[in-house]
Amino acid sequence: MTTTVETFTEFTFEAAHELKPHEGLHGHSFKVRIHLTGEPDPTFGWPANLYEVEKHVSVVRKRLDHSFLNEIEGLSVPSLENVAGWIWKELESKVSTLSHVVVSRGVDGQAEGCIYRG
């Protein structure tokens, strides 16, 4: 049996969006968790070096933070599900141990969110 480990890195971003015809322009504080799964490194135990992963995640975070999501290519309809899928597509070729992306909004205990597995 092969041993696997799952780790994650988390970030937040602030952004505005519209979901026509349901909602007008408004903003949210979003929370994103990037989950990585794989065989544990024999020394550190992680499935991926988070220092290396952070290089790619920071590009995604900068692209989303303080933006109007509808104007980002590929996010003309920026639902939670589409934002999670967009993040997956941005990272999948760069982070081989990517297992799923979680995007949520709202305060803990009153949040809503999506889990995306490519």
PDB file of N, CA and C in Angstrom:
ATOM      1  N   MET A   1       0.839  -1.180   0.000  1.00  0.00           N
ATOM      2  CA  MET A   1       0.000   0.000   0.000  1.00  0.00           C
ATOM      3  C   MET A   1       0.890   1.251   0.000  1.00  0.00           C
ATOM      4  N   THR A   2       0.546   2.195  -0.834  1.00  0.00           N
ATOM      5  CA  THR A   2       1.302   3.437  -0.928  1.00  0.00           C
ATOM      6  C   THR A   2       0.739   4.453   0.055  1.00  0.00           C
ATOM      7  N   THR A   3       1.627   5.095   0.778  1.00  0.00           N
ATOM      8  CA  THR A   3       1.222   6.141   1.709  1.00  0.00           C
ATOM      9  C   THR A   3       1.082   7.456   0.959  1.00  0.00           C
ATOM     10  N   THR A   4       0.005   8.185   1.227  1.00  0.00           N
ATOM     11  CA  THR A   4      -0.152   9.523   0.649  1.00  0.00           C
ATOM     12  C   THR A   4      -0.395  10.516   1.770  1.00  0.00           C
ATOM     13  N   VAL A   5      -0.025  11.743   1.481  1.00  0.00           N
ATOM     14  CA  VAL A   5      -0.203  12.852   2.417  1.00  0.00           C
ATOM     15  C   VAL A   5      -0.905  13.966   1.668  1.00  0.00           C
ATOM     16  N   GLU A   6      -1.779  14.676   2.370  1.00  0.00           N
ATOM     17  CA  GLU A   6      -2.433  15.846   1.788  1.00  0.00           C
ATOM     18  C   GLU A   6      -2.086  17.059   2.643  1.00  0.00           C
ATOM     19  N   THR A   7      -1.585  18.087   1.994  1.00  0.00           N
ATOM     20  CA  THR A   7      -1.319  19.355   2.663  1.00  0.00           C
ATOM     21  C   THR A   7      -2.064  20.442   1.901  1.00  0.00           C
ATOM     22  N   PHE A   8      -2.098  21.628   2.476  1.00  0.00           N
ATOM     23  CA  PHE A   8      -2.761  22.720   1.771  1.00  0.00           C
ATOM     24  C   PHE A   8      -2.078  24.039   2.080  1.00  0.00           C
ATOM     25  N   THR A   9      -2.315  24.980   1.199  1.00  0.00           N
ATOM     26  CA  THR A   9      -1.936  26.364   1.426  1.00  0.00           C
ATOM     27  C   THR A   9      -3.196  27.190   1.212  1.00  0.00           C
ATOM     28  N   GLU A  10      -3.312  28.251   1.954  1.00  0.00           N
ATOM     29  CA  GLU A  10      -4.541  29.030   1.957  1.00  0.00           C
ATOM     30  C   GLU A  10      -4.214  30.500   1.725  1.00  0.00           C
ATOM     31  N   PHE A  11      -5.101  31.197   1.020  1.00  0.00           N
ATOM     32  CA  PHE A  11      -4.963  32.636   0.874  1.00  0.00           C
ATOM     33  C   PHE A  11      -6.345  33.268   0.771  1.00  0.00           C
ATOM     34  N   THR A  12      -6.393  34.557   0.971  1.00  0.00           N
ATOM     35  CA  THR A  12      -7.634  35.312   0.837  1.00  0.00           C
ATOM     36  C   THR A  12      -7.440  36.389  -0.219  1.00  0.00           C
ATOM     37  N   PHE A  13      -8.551  36.829  -0.762  1.00  0.00           N
ATOM     38  CA  PHE A  13      -8.512  37.970  -1.663  1.00  0.00           C
ATOM     39  C   PHE A  13      -9.849  38.697  -1.609  1.00  0.00           C
ATOM     40  N   GLU A  14      -9.800  39.957  -1.944  1.00  0.00           N
ATOM     41  CA  GLU A  14     -10.982  40.818  -2.012  1.00  0.00           C
ATOM     42  C   GLU A  14     -11.251  41.101  -3.474  1.00  0.00           C
ATOM     43  N   ALA A  15     -12.510  40.979  -3.896  1.00  0.00           N
ATOM     44  CA  ALA A  15     -12.824  41.235  -5.300  1.00  0.00           C
ATOM     45  C   ALA A  15     -14.300  41.567  -5.458  1.00  0.00           C
ATOM     46  N   ALA A  16     -14.600  42.214  -6.569  1.00  0.00           N
ATOM     47  CA  ALA A  16     -15.978  42.540  -6.931  1.00  0.00           C
ATOM     48  C   ALA A  16     -16.389  41.672  -8.114  1.00  0.00           C
ATOM     49  N   HIS A  17     -17.701  41.454  -8.251  1.00  0.00           N
ATOM     50  CA  HIS A  17     -18.221  40.727  -9.409  1.00  0.00           C
ATOM     51  C   HIS A  17     -19.703  41.008  -9.577  1.00  0.00           C
ATOM     52  N   GLU A  18     -20.202  40.609 -10.734  1.00  0.00           N
ATOM     53  CA  GLU A  18     -21.625  40.665 -11.043  1.00  0.00           C
ATOM     54  C   GLU A  18     -22.031  39.304 -11.579  1.00  0.00           C
ATOM     55  N   LEU A  19     -23.191  38.848 -11.178  1.00  0.00           N
ATOM     56  CA  LEU A  19     -23.744  37.611 -11.727  1.00  0.00           C
ATOM     57  C   LEU A  19     -25.110  37.938 -12.314  1.00  0.00           C
ATOM     58  N   LYS A  20     -25.093  38.511 -13.490  1.00  0.00           N
ATOM     59  CA  LYS A  20     -26.336  38.917 -14.152  1.00  0.00           C
ATOM     60  C   LYS A  20     -27.132  37.685 -14.547  1.00  0.00           C
ATOM     61  N   PRO A  21     -28.408  37.656 -14.470  1.00  0.00           N
ATOM     62  CA  PRO A  21     -29.298  38.742 -14.058  1.00  0.00           C
ATOM     63  C   PRO A  21     -29.630  38.696 -12.577  1.00  0.00           C
ATOM     64  N   HIS A  22     -28.881  37.921 -11.788  1.00  0.00           N
ATOM     65  CA  HIS A  22     -29.236  37.669 -10.399  1.00  0.00           C
ATOM     66  C   HIS A  22     -28.793  38.755  -9.427  1.00  0.00           C
ATOM     67  N   GLU A  23     -27.621  39.318  -9.630  1.00  0.00           N
ATOM     68  CA  GLU A  23     -27.079  40.273  -8.655  1.00  0.00           C
ATOM     69  C   GLU A  23     -26.388  41.411  -9.368  1.00  0.00           C
ATOM     70  N   GLY A  24     -26.470  42.592  -8.787  1.00  0.00           N
ATOM     71  CA  GLY A  24     -25.720  43.733  -9.301  1.00  0.00           C
ATOM     72  C   GLY A  24     -24.276  43.667  -8.823  1.00  0.00           C
ATOM     73  N   LEU A  25     -23.528  44.689  -9.142  1.00  0.00           N
ATOM     74  CA  LEU A  25     -22.122  44.767  -8.752  1.00  0.00           C
ATOM     75  C   LEU A  25     -22.004  44.776  -7.223  1.00  0.00           C
ATOM     76  N   HIS A  26     -21.167  43.901  -6.712  1.00  0.00           N
ATOM     77  CA  HIS A  26     -20.926  43.815  -5.268  1.00  0.00           C
ATOM     78  C   HIS A  26     -19.595  43.110  -5.043  1.00  0.00           C
ATOM     79  N   GLY A  27     -19.117  43.116  -3.808  1.00  0.00           N
ATOM     80  CA  GLY A  27     -17.823  42.520  -3.517  1.00  0.00           C
ATOM     81  C   GLY A  27     -17.891  41.516  -2.388  1.00  0.00           C
ATOM     82  N   HIS A  28     -16.834  40.713  -2.289  1.00  0.00           N
ATOM     83  CA  HIS A  28     -16.714  39.689  -1.261  1.00  0.00           C
ATOM     84  C   HIS A  28     -15.273  39.590  -0.788  1.00  0.00           C
ATOM     85  N   SER A  29     -15.125  39.028   0.396  1.00  0.00           N
ATOM     86  CA  SER A  29     -13.837  38.529   0.861  1.00  0.00           C
ATOM     87  C   SER A  29     -13.861  37.028   0.577  1.00  0.00           C
ATOM     88  N   PHE A  30     -12.955  36.559  -0.251  1.00  0.00           N
ATOM     89  CA  PHE A  30     -12.894  35.156  -0.642  1.00  0.00           C
ATOM     90  C   PHE A  30     -11.756  34.456   0.101  1.00  0.00           C
ATOM     91  N   LYS A  31     -11.945  33.176   0.381  1.00  0.00           N
ATOM     92  CA  LYS A  31     -10.886  32.346   0.960  1.00  0.00           C
ATOM     93  C   LYS A  31     -10.654  31.172   0.011  1.00  0.00           C
ATOM     94  N   VAL A  32      -9.392  30.893  -0.271  1.00  0.00           N
ATOM     95  CA  VAL A  32      -9.025  29.821  -1.188  1.00  0.00           C
ATOM     96  C   VAL A  32      -8.068  28.863  -0.486  1.00  0.00           C
ATOM     97  N   ARG A  33      -8.322  27.571  -0.640  1.00  0.00           N
ATOM     98  CA  ARG A  33      -7.403  26.540  -0.144  1.00  0.00           C
ATOM     99  C   ARG A  33      -6.980  25.687  -1.328  1.00  0.00           C
ATOM    100  N   ILE A  34      -5.683  25.579  -1.506  1.00  0.00           N
ATOM    101  CA  ILE A  34      -5.102  24.759  -2.559  1.00  0.00           C
ATOM    102  C   ILE A  34      -4.601  23.473  -1.891  1.00  0.00           C
ATOM    103  N   HIS A  35      -5.196  22.327  -2.241  1.00  0.00           N
ATOM    104  CA  HIS A  35      -4.833  21.046  -1.635  1.00  0.00           C
ATOM    105  C   HIS A  35      -3.884  20.278  -2.547  1.00  0.00           C
ATOM    106  N   LEU A  36      -2.877  19.701  -1.922  1.00  0.00           N
ATOM    107  CA  LEU A  36      -1.828  18.959  -2.626  1.00  0.00           C
ATOM    108  C   LEU A  36      -1.757  17.555  -2.033  1.00  0.00           C
ATOM    109  N   THR A  37      -1.762  16.551  -2.891  1.00  0.00           N
ATOM    110  CA  THR A  37      -1.755  15.166  -2.428  1.00  0.00           C
ATOM    111  C   THR A  37      -0.672  14.384  -3.163  1.00  0.00           C
ATOM    112  N   GLY A  38       0.034  13.553  -2.425  1.00  0.00           N
ATOM    113  CA  GLY A  38       1.045  12.713  -3.054  1.00  0.00           C
ATOM    114  C   GLY A  38       1.812  11.917  -2.024  1.00  0.00           C
ATOM    115  N   GLU A  39       2.837  11.225  -2.505  1.00  0.00           N
ATOM    116  CA  GLU A  39       3.693  10.459  -1.607  1.00  0.00           C
ATOM    117  C   GLU A  39       4.520  11.409  -0.759  1.00  0.00           C
ATOM    118  N   PRO A  40       4.693  11.102   0.515  1.00  0.00           N
ATOM    119  CA  PRO A  40       5.454  12.002   1.382  1.00  0.00           C
ATOM    120  C   PRO A  40       6.944  12.014   1.032  1.00  0.00           C
ATOM    121  N   ASP A  41       7.515  13.195   1.037  1.00  0.00           N
ATOM    122  CA  ASP A  41       8.956  13.342   0.878  1.00  0.00           C
ATOM    123  C   ASP A  41       9.629  12.589   2.028  1.00  0.00           C
ATOM    124  N   PRO A  42      10.707  11.834   1.756  1.00  0.00           N
ATOM    125  CA  PRO A  42      11.320  11.027   2.817  1.00  0.00           C
ATOM    126  C   PRO A  42      11.908  11.855   3.961  1.00  0.00           C
ATOM    127  N   THR A  43      12.255  13.098   3.707  1.00  0.00           N
ATOM    128  CA  THR A  43      12.838  13.938   4.755  1.00  0.00           C
ATOM    129  C   THR A  43      11.789  14.805   5.432  1.00  0.00           C
ATOM    130  N   PHE A  44      11.006  15.530   4.629  1.00  0.00           N
ATOM    131  CA  PHE A  44      10.084  16.512   5.184  1.00  0.00           C
ATOM    132  C   PHE A  44       8.655  16.002   5.366  1.00  0.00           C
ATOM    133  N   GLY A  45       8.297  14.947   4.658  1.00  0.00           N
ATOM    134  CA  GLY A  45       6.960  14.379   4.785  1.00  0.00           C
ATOM    135  C   GLY A  45       5.901  15.038   3.925  1.00  0.00           C
ATOM    136  N   TRP A  46       6.222  16.114   3.267  1.00  0.00           N
ATOM    137  CA  TRP A  46       5.231  16.816   2.438  1.00  0.00           C
ATOM    138  C   TRP A  46       5.141  16.206   1.050  1.00  0.00           C
ATOM    139  N   PRO A  47       3.966  16.359   0.396  1.00  0.00           N
ATOM    140  CA  PRO A  47       3.832  15.872  -0.976  1.00  0.00           C
ATOM    141  C   PRO A  47       4.360  16.879  -1.997  1.00  0.00           C
ATOM    142  N   ALA A  48       4.534  18.126  -1.585  1.00  0.00           N
ATOM    143  CA  ALA A  48       5.058  19.184  -2.452  1.00  0.00           C
ATOM    144  C   ALA A  48       5.707  20.234  -1.572  1.00  0.00           C
ATOM    145  N   ASN A  49       6.751  20.814  -2.056  1.00  0.00           N
ATOM    146  CA  ASN A  49       7.442  21.875  -1.337  1.00  0.00           C
ATOM    147  C   ASN A  49       6.591  23.147  -1.413  1.00  0.00           C
ATOM    148  N   LEU A  50       6.016  23.566  -0.306  1.00  0.00           N
ATOM    149  CA  LEU A  50       5.131  24.733  -0.313  1.00  0.00           C
ATOM    150  C   LEU A  50       5.857  26.017  -0.702  1.00  0.00           C
ATOM    151  N   TYR A  51       7.158  26.067  -0.500  1.00  0.00           N
ATOM    152  CA  TYR A  51       7.916  27.240  -0.937  1.00  0.00           C
ATOM    153  C   TYR A  51       7.884  27.354  -2.461  1.00  0.00           C
ATOM    154  N   GLU A  52       7.954  26.226  -3.142  1.00  0.00           N
ATOM    155  CA  GLU A  52       7.879  26.219  -4.607  1.00  0.00           C
ATOM    156  C   GLU A  52       6.448  26.474  -5.088  1.00  0.00           C
ATOM    157  N   VAL A  53       5.487  25.870  -4.433  1.00  0.00           N
ATOM    158  CA  VAL A  53       4.083  26.048  -4.800  1.00  0.00           C
ATOM    159  C   VAL A  53       3.678  27.507  -4.634  1.00  0.00           C
ATOM    160  N   GLU A  54       4.158  28.151  -3.582  1.00  0.00           N
ATOM    161  CA  GLU A  54       3.790  29.545  -3.300  1.00  0.00           C
ATOM    162  C   GLU A  54       4.155  30.476  -4.444  1.00  0.00           C
ATOM    163  N   LYS A  55       5.205  30.181  -5.178  1.00  0.00           N
ATOM    164  CA  LYS A  55       5.579  31.018  -6.331  1.00  0.00           C
ATOM    165  C   LYS A  55       4.436  31.091  -7.338  1.00  0.00           C
ATOM    166  N   HIS A  56       3.768  29.992  -7.560  1.00  0.00           N
ATOM    167  CA  HIS A  56       2.673  29.933  -8.527  1.00  0.00           C
ATOM    168  C   HIS A  56       1.376  30.473  -7.927  1.00  0.00           C
ATOM    169  N   VAL A  57       1.143  30.155  -6.665  1.00  0.00           N
ATOM    170  CA  VAL A  57      -0.071  30.611  -5.987  1.00  0.00           C
ATOM    171  C   VAL A  57      -0.079  32.134  -5.862  1.00  0.00           C
ATOM    172  N   SER A  58       1.078  32.736  -5.610  1.00  0.00           N
ATOM    173  CA  SER A  58       1.128  34.193  -5.452  1.00  0.00           C
ATOM    174  C   SER A  58       0.751  34.906  -6.744  1.00  0.00           C
ATOM    175  N   VAL A  59       1.067  34.331  -7.897  1.00  0.00           N
ATOM    176  CA  VAL A  59       0.674  34.916  -9.180  1.00  0.00           C
ATOM    177  C   VAL A  59      -0.847  34.914  -9.304  1.00  0.00           C
ATOM    178  N   VAL A  60      -1.468  33.804  -8.927  1.00  0.00           N
ATOM    179  CA  VAL A  60      -2.932  33.690  -8.973  1.00  0.00           C
ATOM    180  C   VAL A  60      -3.564  34.699  -8.012  1.00  0.00           C
ATOM    181  N   ARG A  61      -3.047  34.763  -6.791  1.00  0.00           N
ATOM    182  CA  ARG A  61      -3.595  35.680  -5.785  1.00  0.00           C
ATOM    183  C   ARG A  61      -3.518  37.128  -6.272  1.00  0.00           C
ATOM    184  N   LYS A  62      -2.393  37.519  -6.796  1.00  0.00           N
ATOM    185  CA  LYS A  62      -2.227  38.902  -7.281  1.00  0.00           C
ATOM    186  C   LYS A  62      -3.186  39.220  -8.414  1.00  0.00           C
ATOM    187  N   ARG A  63      -3.447  38.234  -9.244  1.00  0.00           N
ATOM    188  CA  ARG A  63      -4.368  38.432 -10.377  1.00  0.00           C
ATOM    189  C   ARG A  63      -5.805  38.657  -9.900  1.00  0.00           C
ATOM    190  N   LEU A  64      -6.192  37.990  -8.811  1.00  0.00           N
ATOM    191  CA  LEU A  64      -7.568  38.060  -8.309  1.00  0.00           C
ATOM    192  C   LEU A  64      -7.800  39.202  -7.330  1.00  0.00           C
ATOM    193  N   ASP A  65      -6.820  39.513  -6.501  1.00  0.00           N
ATOM    194  CA  ASP A  65      -7.015  40.457  -5.401  1.00  0.00           C
ATOM    195  C   ASP A  65      -7.298  41.869  -5.899  1.00  0.00           C
ATOM    196  N   HIS A  66      -8.328  42.474  -5.321  1.00  0.00           N
ATOM    197  CA  HIS A  66      -8.759  43.830  -5.648  1.00  0.00           C
ATOM    198  C   HIS A  66      -9.040  43.995  -7.139  1.00  0.00           C
ATOM    199  N   SER A  67      -9.708  43.006  -7.695  1.00  0.00           N
ATOM    200  CA  SER A  67     -10.047  43.038  -9.117  1.00  0.00           C
ATOM    201  C   SER A  67     -11.560  43.035  -9.293  1.00  0.00           C
ATOM    202  N   PHE A  68     -11.973  43.286 -10.521  1.00  0.00           N
ATOM    203  CA  PHE A  68     -13.352  43.065 -10.949  1.00  0.00           C
ATOM    204  C   PHE A  68     -13.306  41.746 -11.697  1.00  0.00           C
ATOM    205  N   LEU A  69     -13.756  40.675 -11.054  1.00  0.00           N
ATOM    206  CA  LEU A  69     -13.569  39.324 -11.563  1.00  0.00           C
ATOM    207  C   LEU A  69     -14.106  39.138 -12.983  1.00  0.00           C
ATOM    208  N   ASN A  70     -15.219  39.782 -13.317  1.00  0.00           N
ATOM    209  CA  ASN A  70     -15.818  39.636 -14.640  1.00  0.00           C
ATOM    210  C   ASN A  70     -14.862  40.043 -15.755  1.00  0.00           C
ATOM    211  N   GLU A  71     -13.871  40.877 -15.456  1.00  0.00           N
ATOM    212  CA  GLU A  71     -12.947  41.368 -16.482  1.00  0.00           C
ATOM    213  C   GLU A  71     -11.725  40.475 -16.659  1.00  0.00           C
ATOM    214  N   ILE A  72     -11.570  39.444 -15.836  1.00  0.00           N
ATOM    215  CA  ILE A  72     -10.443  38.516 -15.986  1.00  0.00           C
ATOM    216  C   ILE A  72     -10.813  37.488 -17.049  1.00  0.00           C
ATOM    217  N   GLU A  73      -9.902  37.285 -18.003  1.00  0.00           N
ATOM    218  CA  GLU A  73     -10.168  36.330 -19.069  1.00  0.00           C
ATOM    219  C   GLU A  73     -10.499  34.955 -18.480  1.00  0.00           C
ATOM    220  N   GLY A  74     -11.631  34.404 -18.901  1.00  0.00           N
ATOM    221  CA  GLY A  74     -12.081  33.112 -18.402  1.00  0.00           C
ATOM    222  C   GLY A  74     -13.039  33.207 -17.228  1.00  0.00           C
ATOM    223  N   LEU A  75     -13.300  34.428 -16.733  1.00  0.00           N
ATOM    224  CA  LEU A  75     -14.199  34.600 -15.582  1.00  0.00           C
ATOM    225  C   LEU A  75     -15.340  35.571 -15.885  1.00  0.00           C
ATOM    226  N   SER A  76     -15.847  35.550 -17.084  1.00  0.00           N
ATOM    227  CA  SER A  76     -16.948  36.468 -17.407  1.00  0.00           C
ATOM    228  C   SER A  76     -18.186  36.188 -16.557  1.00  0.00           C
ATOM    229  N   VAL A  77     -18.330  34.948 -16.075  1.00  0.00           N
ATOM    230  CA  VAL A  77     -19.397  34.582 -15.129  1.00  0.00           C
ATOM    231  C   VAL A  77     -18.695  34.037 -13.880  1.00  0.00           C
ATOM    232  N   PRO A  78     -18.328  34.932 -12.944  1.00  0.00           N
ATOM    233  CA  PRO A  78     -17.482  34.529 -11.810  1.00  0.00           C
ATOM    234  C   PRO A  78     -18.244  33.986 -10.603  1.00  0.00           C
ATOM    235  N   SER A  79     -18.952  32.887 -10.798  1.00  0.00           N
ATOM    236  CA  SER A  79     -19.564  32.181  -9.671  1.00  0.00           C
ATOM    237  C   SER A  79     -18.442  31.529  -8.868  1.00  0.00           C
ATOM    238  N   LEU A  80     -18.742  31.084  -7.662  1.00  0.00           N
ATOM    239  CA  LEU A  80     -17.739  30.376  -6.870  1.00  0.00           C
ATOM    240  C   LEU A  80     -17.179  29.180  -7.631  1.00  0.00           C
ATOM    241  N   GLU A  81     -18.053  28.465  -8.306  1.00  0.00           N
ATOM    242  CA  GLU A  81     -17.637  27.277  -9.045  1.00  0.00           C
ATOM    243  C   GLU A  81     -16.683  27.631 -10.186  1.00  0.00           C
ATOM    244  N   ASN A  82     -16.998  28.708 -10.901  1.00  0.00           N
ATOM    245  CA  ASN A  82     -16.135  29.115 -12.006  1.00  0.00           C
ATOM    246  C   ASN A  82     -14.813  29.705 -11.522  1.00  0.00           C
ATOM    247  N   VAL A  83     -14.826  30.389 -10.396  1.00  0.00           N
ATOM    248  CA  VAL A  83     -13.573  30.905  -9.826  1.00  0.00           C
ATOM    249  C   VAL A  83     -12.678  29.730  -9.416  1.00  0.00           C
ATOM    250  N   ALA A  84     -13.255  28.721  -8.761  1.00  0.00           N
ATOM    251  CA  ALA A  84     -12.476  27.547  -8.362  1.00  0.00           C
ATOM    252  C   ALA A  84     -11.902  26.842  -9.590  1.00  0.00           C
ATOM    253  N   GLY A  85     -12.692  26.694 -10.635  1.00  0.00           N
ATOM    254  CA  GLY A  85     -12.211  26.067 -11.869  1.00  0.00           C
ATOM    255  C   GLY A  85     -11.124  26.878 -12.537  1.00  0.00           C
ATOM    256  N   TRP A  86     -11.255  28.194 -12.511  1.00  0.00           N
ATOM    257  CA  TRP A  86     -10.241  29.078 -13.101  1.00  0.00           C
ATOM    258  C   TRP A  86      -8.917  28.926 -12.354  1.00  0.00           C
ATOM    259  N   ILE A  87      -8.974  28.899 -11.031  1.00  0.00           N
ATOM    260  CA  ILE A  87      -7.753  28.724 -10.232  1.00  0.00           C
ATOM    261  C   ILE A  87      -7.119  27.377 -10.565  1.00  0.00           C
ATOM    262  N   TRP A  88      -7.936  26.321 -10.648  1.00  0.00           N
ATOM    263  CA  TRP A  88      -7.419  24.995 -11.006  1.00  0.00           C
ATOM    264  C   TRP A  88      -6.662  25.066 -12.338  1.00  0.00           C
ATOM    265  N   LYS A  89      -7.283  25.674 -13.339  1.00  0.00           N
ATOM    266  CA  LYS A  89      -6.660  25.746 -14.664  1.00  0.00           C
ATOM    267  C   LYS A  89      -5.355  26.529 -14.636  1.00  0.00           C
ATOM    268  N   GLU A  90      -5.281  27.553 -13.793  1.00  0.00           N
ATOM    269  CA  GLU A  90      -4.059  28.346 -13.683  1.00  0.00           C
ATOM    270  C   GLU A  90      -2.920  27.556 -13.044  1.00  0.00           C
ATOM    271  N   LEU A  91      -3.255  26.608 -12.166  1.00  0.00           N
ATOM    272  CA  LEU A  91      -2.228  25.893 -11.401  1.00  0.00           C
ATOM    273  C   LEU A  91      -1.923  24.473 -11.879  1.00  0.00           C
ATOM    274  N   GLU A  92      -2.850  23.836 -12.571  1.00  0.00           N
ATOM    275  CA  GLU A  92      -2.711  22.404 -12.835  1.00  0.00           C
ATOM    276  C   GLU A  92      -1.439  22.028 -13.588  1.00  0.00           C
ATOM    277  N   SER A  93      -0.971  22.844 -14.501  1.00  0.00           N
ATOM    278  CA  SER A  93       0.237  22.493 -15.252  1.00  0.00           C
ATOM    279  C   SER A  93       1.512  22.846 -14.491  1.00  0.00           C
ATOM    280  N   LYS A  94       1.381  23.611 -13.411  1.00  0.00           N
ATOM    281  CA  LYS A  94       2.548  24.071 -12.657  1.00  0.00           C
ATOM    282  C   LYS A  94       2.744  23.314 -11.344  1.00  0.00           C
ATOM    283  N   VAL A  95       1.672  22.724 -10.819  1.00  0.00           N
ATOM    284  CA  VAL A  95       1.714  22.052  -9.514  1.00  0.00           C
ATOM    285  C   VAL A  95       1.220  20.613  -9.718  1.00  0.00           C
ATOM    286  N   SER A  96       2.158  19.697  -9.845  1.00  0.00           N
ATOM    287  CA  SER A  96       1.804  18.321 -10.206  1.00  0.00           C
ATOM    288  C   SER A  96       1.005  17.594  -9.128  1.00  0.00           C
ATOM    289  N   THR A  97       1.104  18.009  -7.886  1.00  0.00           N
ATOM    290  CA  THR A  97       0.404  17.323  -6.797  1.00  0.00           C
ATOM    291  C   THR A  97      -0.951  17.963  -6.465  1.00  0.00           C
ATOM    292  N   LEU A  98      -1.403  18.899  -7.292  1.00  0.00           N
ATOM    293  CA  LEU A  98      -2.692  19.563  -7.061  1.00  0.00           C
ATOM    294  C   LEU A  98      -3.808  18.525  -7.029  1.00  0.00           C
ATOM    295  N   SER A  99      -4.602  18.507  -5.948  1.00  0.00           N
ATOM    296  CA  SER A  99      -5.698  17.538  -5.870  1.00  0.00           C
ATOM    297  C   SER A  99      -7.065  18.210  -5.910  1.00  0.00           C
ATOM    298  N   HIS A 100      -7.214  19.352  -5.263  1.00  0.00           N
ATOM    299  CA  HIS A 100      -8.457  20.102  -5.372  1.00  0.00           C
ATOM    300  C   HIS A 100      -8.282  21.529  -4.863  1.00  0.00           C
ATOM    301  N   VAL A 101      -9.237  22.368  -5.261  1.00  0.00           N
ATOM    302  CA  VAL A 101      -9.246  23.780  -4.906  1.00  0.00           C
ATOM    303  C   VAL A 101     -10.572  24.058  -4.208  1.00  0.00           C
ATOM    304  N   VAL A 102     -10.504  24.731  -3.072  1.00  0.00           N
ATOM    305  CA  VAL A 102     -11.700  25.110  -2.320  1.00  0.00           C
ATOM    306  C   VAL A 102     -11.788  26.632  -2.326  1.00  0.00           C
ATOM    307  N   VAL A 103     -12.937  27.161  -2.734  1.00  0.00           N
ATOM    308  CA  VAL A 103     -13.170  28.608  -2.707  1.00  0.00           C
ATOM    309  C   VAL A 103     -14.424  28.852  -1.889  1.00  0.00           C
ATOM    310  N   SER A 104     -14.337  29.791  -0.935  1.00  0.00           N
ATOM    311  CA  SER A 104     -15.506  30.139  -0.126  1.00  0.00           C
ATOM    312  C   SER A 104     -15.558  31.636   0.090  1.00  0.00           C
ATOM    313  N   ARG A 105     -16.725  32.079   0.508  1.00  0.00           N
ATOM    314  CA  ARG A 105     -16.915  33.485   0.862  1.00  0.00           C
ATOM    315  C   ARG A 105     -17.874  33.536   2.031  1.00  0.00           C
ATOM    316  N   GLY A 106     -17.751  34.579   2.823  1.00  0.00           N
ATOM    317  CA  GLY A 106     -18.563  34.717   4.028  1.00  0.00           C
ATOM    318  C   GLY A 106     -17.733  34.382   5.249  1.00  0.00           C
ATOM    319  N   VAL A 107     -18.266  34.736   6.381  1.00  0.00           N
ATOM    320  CA  VAL A 107     -17.538  34.511   7.635  1.00  0.00           C
ATOM    321  C   VAL A 107     -17.654  33.051   8.054  1.00  0.00           C
ATOM    322  N   ASP A 108     -16.665  32.580   8.801  1.00  0.00           N
ATOM    323  CA  ASP A 108     -16.705  31.203   9.292  1.00  0.00           C
ATOM    324  C   ASP A 108     -18.014  30.968  10.034  1.00  0.00           C
ATOM    325  N   GLY A 109     -18.632  29.863   9.749  1.00  0.00           N
ATOM    326  CA  GLY A 109     -19.909  29.526  10.364  1.00  0.00           C
ATOM    327  C   GLY A 109     -21.113  29.981   9.531  1.00  0.00           C
ATOM    328  N   GLN A 110     -20.852  30.887   8.570  1.00  0.00           N
ATOM    329  CA  GLN A 110     -21.924  31.369   7.691  1.00  0.00           C
ATOM    330  C   GLN A 110     -21.418  31.501   6.264  1.00  0.00           C
ATOM    331  N   ALA A 111     -20.508  30.621   5.887  1.00  0.00           N
ATOM    332  CA  ALA A 111     -19.880  30.692   4.569  1.00  0.00           C
ATOM    333  C   ALA A 111     -20.577  29.783   3.581  1.00  0.00           C
ATOM    334  N   GLU A 112     -20.323  30.041   2.328  1.00  0.00           N
ATOM    335  CA  GLU A 112     -20.726  29.130   1.262  1.00  0.00           C
ATOM    336  C   GLU A 112     -19.514  28.934   0.379  1.00  0.00           C
ATOM    337  N   GLY A 113     -19.435  27.807  -0.291  1.00  0.00           N
ATOM    338  CA  GLY A 113     -18.247  27.551  -1.064  1.00  0.00           C
ATOM    339  C   GLY A 113     -18.382  26.416  -2.048  1.00  0.00           C
ATOM    340  N   CYS A 114     -17.246  26.100  -2.659  1.00  0.00           N
ATOM    341  CA  CYS A 114     -17.185  25.097  -3.706  1.00  0.00           C
ATOM    342  C   CYS A 114     -15.864  24.345  -3.602  1.00  0.00           C
ATOM    343  N   ILE A 115     -15.910  23.054  -3.865  1.00  0.00           N
ATOM    344  CA  ILE A 115     -14.715  22.235  -3.974  1.00  0.00           C
ATOM    345  C   ILE A 115     -14.612  21.796  -5.428  1.00  0.00           C
ATOM    346  N   TYR A 116     -13.470  22.116  -6.054  1.00  0.00           N
ATOM    347  CA  TYR A 116     -13.258  21.782  -7.476  1.00  0.00           C
ATOM    348  C   TYR A 116     -12.140  20.763  -7.596  1.00  0.00           C
ATOM    349  N   ARG A 117     -12.454  19.656  -8.253  1.00  0.00           N
ATOM    350  CA  ARG A 117     -11.457  18.633  -8.552  1.00  0.00           C
ATOM    351  C   ARG A 117     -11.412  18.498 -10.064  1.00  0.00           C
ATOM    352  N   GLY A 118     -10.315  18.907 -10.655  1.00  0.00           N
ATOM    353  CA  GLY A 118     -10.174  18.915 -12.109  1.00  0.00           C
ATOM    354  C   GLY A 118     -10.329  17.564 -12.704  1.00  0.00           C
TER     355      GLY A 118
END
